[in-house]
Amino acid sequence: MMNAHKQRKALIDLRHSMDILESNIELFHAGKTSMYRVVAAQLRLLLCDYYRGKDISLMPRIFKQVKLHPVRGSMTKEQDEEWKQKFGHSFYDGIIFQMPALVSFDGKGGSKVEAVFDERRKPIDLNEWLDQMLFSKEITIRQLIKSVANKESVHSDEDYDKTLITTKSIKLVDEDIHVKFIVGIGEYILKVLKNALDKQTPQSP
């Protein structure tokens, strides 16, 4: 459990991260599309940040037993096990590419990814949520966040990794597909955090 000082700092950091997410999502939708890079950096900080092999992600430090809704159209582990027993392989083995979301169009050549996650279904643990297949078996939520953060947001590596090479080859009307999905994930996480702060008292020091 965190002491009082660490708890206060973590909550301050969380609120700042939420402010950064909200402001940059608004800027993105206003036409500043490069702001998706800032969103990715905050998602890494909140959900999958590691330092010297230790998980220092902010969200699970404050809210223990974080649970999030599964990707739209995904199978639970139990359902996939049943599929394996019936057909001899995972349901996901045959999927080359998927796009688990609704897409809206503004009539001006722009588009928006919506409802990436199915809020009607039972939430799942954070690590299971991060390891869900997003576009393919190789591109999970965790991998997408880390790739964008490490290659475009907090670092400027000389080359893209396999994840971004793949996603940059797929356009969603007016932008690389990973750009829209990073923002869609950011919108969902921001909504979850706002609800959590409204309804749930963070763990006591």
Foldseek 3Di string as FASTA:
>chain_A
DDDPVVLVVLVVVVVVLLVLLVVLLVVCVVPPLLSLLVLLQSCCQQAPDDDPRDGPHRPCVWAPQDWDFAFAPDDDPVVQVVVCVVPVDGPQPPAPFDARFDKDDDVPQDIATECRGDPVDDTDGRVVRQCDDHTHNVDGNVNLSCQSNDCPHVHPDPDGDPVCVVQQVDDDRPHRPSSRVSSRVSVRVSVVVVVCVVPPDIDDD
